[in-house]
N, C-alpha and C. Protein backbone atom coordinates (compact mmCIF):
# COMPACT_ATOMS: atom_id res chain seq x y z
N MET A 1 26.61 -6.42 79.30
CA MET A 1 24.65 -6.63 78.43
C MET A 1 24.10 -6.07 77.75
N PRO A 2 24.27 -5.79 76.86
CA PRO A 2 23.63 -4.90 75.82
C PRO A 2 22.46 -4.10 75.96
N ASN A 3 22.20 -3.37 75.99
CA ASN A 3 20.72 -2.72 76.34
C ASN A 3 20.02 -3.15 74.41
N HIS A 4 19.24 -4.10 74.54
CA HIS A 4 18.00 -4.13 73.87
C HIS A 4 17.54 -3.41 74.00
N TYR A 5 16.89 -2.60 73.86
CA TYR A 5 16.16 -1.52 74.19
C TYR A 5 16.54 0.06 73.72
N THR A 6 15.39 0.86 72.75
CA THR A 6 15.10 1.49 72.13
C THR A 6 15.56 2.71 73.13
N ALA A 7 15.58 3.43 72.44
CA ALA A 7 15.31 4.93 73.62
C ALA A 7 13.72 5.10 73.76
N ALA A 8 12.90 4.77 72.55
CA ALA A 8 11.98 4.72 72.99
C ALA A 8 11.24 3.97 73.73
N GLY A 9 12.02 3.01 74.01
CA GLY A 9 11.85 1.68 74.72
C GLY A 9 11.09 0.64 74.24
N THR A 10 11.62 0.79 73.21
CA THR A 10 10.72 -0.82 72.24
C THR A 10 11.97 -1.23 72.30
N ASN A 11 11.60 -2.98 72.59
CA ASN A 11 12.84 -4.01 72.06
C ASN A 11 12.69 -4.50 70.97
N ILE A 12 13.66 -4.31 70.86
CA ILE A 12 15.03 -4.64 69.90
C ILE A 12 14.60 -5.87 69.44
N GLU A 13 14.90 -6.75 70.31
CA GLU A 13 14.96 -8.47 70.39
C GLU A 13 13.65 -9.23 69.67
N GLU A 14 12.63 -8.33 70.24
CA GLU A 14 11.17 -8.56 69.65
C GLU A 14 10.86 -8.47 68.71
N VAL A 15 11.05 -7.02 68.51
CA VAL A 15 11.44 -6.82 66.90
C VAL A 15 11.60 -7.74 65.32
N LYS A 16 12.67 -7.76 66.06
CA LYS A 16 13.58 -8.72 65.53
C LYS A 16 13.05 -10.24 65.05
N ARG A 17 12.44 -10.29 65.80
CA ARG A 17 12.08 -12.41 65.65
C ARG A 17 10.18 -11.36 65.26
N LYS A 18 10.18 -10.91 65.68
CA LYS A 18 8.45 -10.20 64.30
C LYS A 18 8.43 -9.89 63.48
N ASN A 19 10.02 -9.47 62.95
CA ASN A 19 10.19 -9.78 61.64
C ASN A 19 10.26 -10.50 60.84
N ALA A 20 11.25 -12.16 61.04
CA ALA A 20 12.02 -12.84 60.48
C ALA A 20 10.40 -14.21 60.81
N GLU A 21 9.26 -12.90 61.33
CA GLU A 21 8.00 -14.28 61.04
C GLU A 21 7.13 -13.66 60.00
N TYR A 22 7.16 -13.27 59.82
CA TYR A 22 6.61 -12.08 57.96
C TYR A 22 7.60 -12.87 57.66
N GLY A 23 7.57 -12.26 55.83
CA GLY A 23 8.27 -12.77 54.39
C GLY A 23 8.70 -12.18 54.01
N LEU A 24 9.25 -12.39 52.73
CA LEU A 24 11.06 -11.32 52.45
C LEU A 24 10.39 -9.63 52.73
N SER A 25 12.35 -10.22 53.48
CA SER A 25 12.24 -8.87 53.85
C SER A 25 12.74 -8.19 52.20
N TYR A 26 13.03 -7.05 52.90
CA TYR A 26 13.46 -6.09 51.48
C TYR A 26 14.76 -6.09 51.04
N ASN A 27 15.42 -6.68 51.23
CA ASN A 27 16.89 -7.03 50.77
C ASN A 27 16.73 -8.08 50.30
N GLU A 28 15.85 -9.11 50.81
CA GLU A 28 15.48 -10.67 50.37
C GLU A 28 15.06 -10.66 48.88
N VAL A 29 13.68 -9.36 48.51
CA VAL A 29 13.46 -10.00 48.04
C VAL A 29 14.36 -9.40 46.75
N LYS A 30 15.41 -7.94 47.44
CA LYS A 30 16.81 -7.33 45.58
C LYS A 30 17.62 -8.65 45.41
N ALA A 31 17.59 -9.15 46.13
CA ALA A 31 18.30 -9.99 45.98
C ALA A 31 17.39 -11.60 44.53
N LEU A 32 16.77 -11.87 45.22
CA LEU A 32 15.49 -13.35 44.49
C LEU A 32 15.32 -12.36 42.79
N LEU A 33 15.15 -10.67 42.75
CA LEU A 33 15.09 -10.25 41.51
C LEU A 33 16.27 -9.49 41.12
N ALA A 34 16.92 -9.89 41.54
CA ALA A 34 18.52 -9.45 40.95
C ALA A 34 18.82 -11.28 40.15
N SER A 35 18.71 -12.39 41.35
CA SER A 35 18.84 -13.72 40.70
C SER A 35 17.95 -14.35 39.58
N THR A 36 16.93 -13.52 39.48
CA THR A 36 16.18 -13.69 38.23
C THR A 36 15.99 -12.64 37.17
N GLY A 37 17.05 -11.55 37.23
CA GLY A 37 16.92 -10.80 36.46
C GLY A 37 15.61 -10.10 36.91
N GLY A 38 15.00 -9.90 36.91
CA GLY A 38 13.88 -9.82 37.24
C GLY A 38 12.52 -10.06 36.26
N LYS A 39 13.02 -11.11 36.02
CA LYS A 39 12.06 -11.34 34.99
C LYS A 39 11.25 -13.15 35.49
N ASN A 40 10.05 -12.87 34.92
CA ASN A 40 8.99 -13.82 35.63
C ASN A 40 8.19 -13.63 37.28
N THR A 41 8.96 -12.29 37.56
CA THR A 41 8.27 -11.83 38.90
C THR A 41 7.31 -11.59 38.93
N LYS A 42 6.32 -11.09 38.50
CA LYS A 42 4.48 -11.17 38.70
C LYS A 42 4.21 -11.77 39.42
N GLN A 43 5.03 -13.28 39.51
CA GLN A 43 4.02 -14.11 40.15
C GLN A 43 4.29 -13.90 41.70
N PHE A 44 4.61 -12.69 42.03
CA PHE A 44 5.93 -12.35 42.91
C PHE A 44 4.39 -11.38 43.88
N SER A 45 4.47 -10.14 42.96
CA SER A 45 3.39 -8.79 42.50
C SER A 45 1.93 -8.74 43.02
N ASP A 46 0.86 -8.39 44.20
CA ASP A 46 -0.24 -8.04 43.91
C ASP A 46 0.12 -6.41 43.77
N THR A 47 0.59 -6.34 42.96
CA THR A 47 0.36 -4.53 42.89
C THR A 47 -0.54 -4.16 40.48
N ASN A 48 -0.93 -3.56 40.87
CA ASN A 48 -1.96 -3.07 40.10
C ASN A 48 -1.39 -1.73 39.24
N ALA A 49 0.20 -2.60 38.25
CA ALA A 49 0.93 -2.23 37.50
C ALA A 49 0.26 -0.40 36.38
N GLU A 50 -1.24 -0.82 36.10
CA GLU A 50 -1.85 -0.08 35.89
C GLU A 50 -2.23 1.46 37.20
N GLU A 51 -2.74 1.30 38.16
CA GLU A 51 -3.07 1.99 38.94
C GLU A 51 -1.91 3.37 39.24
N ILE A 52 -1.28 2.48 39.31
CA ILE A 52 0.31 2.64 39.51
C ILE A 52 1.05 3.99 38.59
N LYS A 53 0.72 3.64 37.43
CA LYS A 53 0.86 4.45 35.90
C LYS A 53 -0.40 5.31 36.25
N LYS A 54 -0.90 5.79 36.60
CA LYS A 54 -1.97 6.28 36.58
C LYS A 54 -1.43 6.86 37.57
N GLN A 55 -0.88 6.81 38.76
CA GLN A 55 -0.53 8.32 39.79
C GLN A 55 0.59 8.82 40.08
N ILE A 56 1.53 8.09 39.09
CA ILE A 56 2.76 8.97 38.22
C ILE A 56 2.89 9.72 37.39
N HIS A 57 1.95 9.26 36.49
CA HIS A 57 1.29 10.99 34.75
C HIS A 57 -0.22 10.48 35.25
N PRO A 58 -0.66 11.40 36.17
CA PRO A 58 -2.09 11.57 36.13
C PRO A 58 -2.81 12.70 35.10
N HIS A 59 -2.21 12.75 34.01
CA HIS A 59 -2.31 13.34 32.88
C HIS A 59 -2.67 12.95 31.23
């Protein structure tokens, strides 16, 4: 029987189960964006683009 816990004591199966209950995974989002060519994706984001631009280019 394989060990279902990490060295730190984390239950790997429990983490996988909880992750499955939440939104899309990183790879699922990448696949979605790739399938749409990145067009019309604003509906999937609540990111403030202007705020991000200010953080990247502070001057």
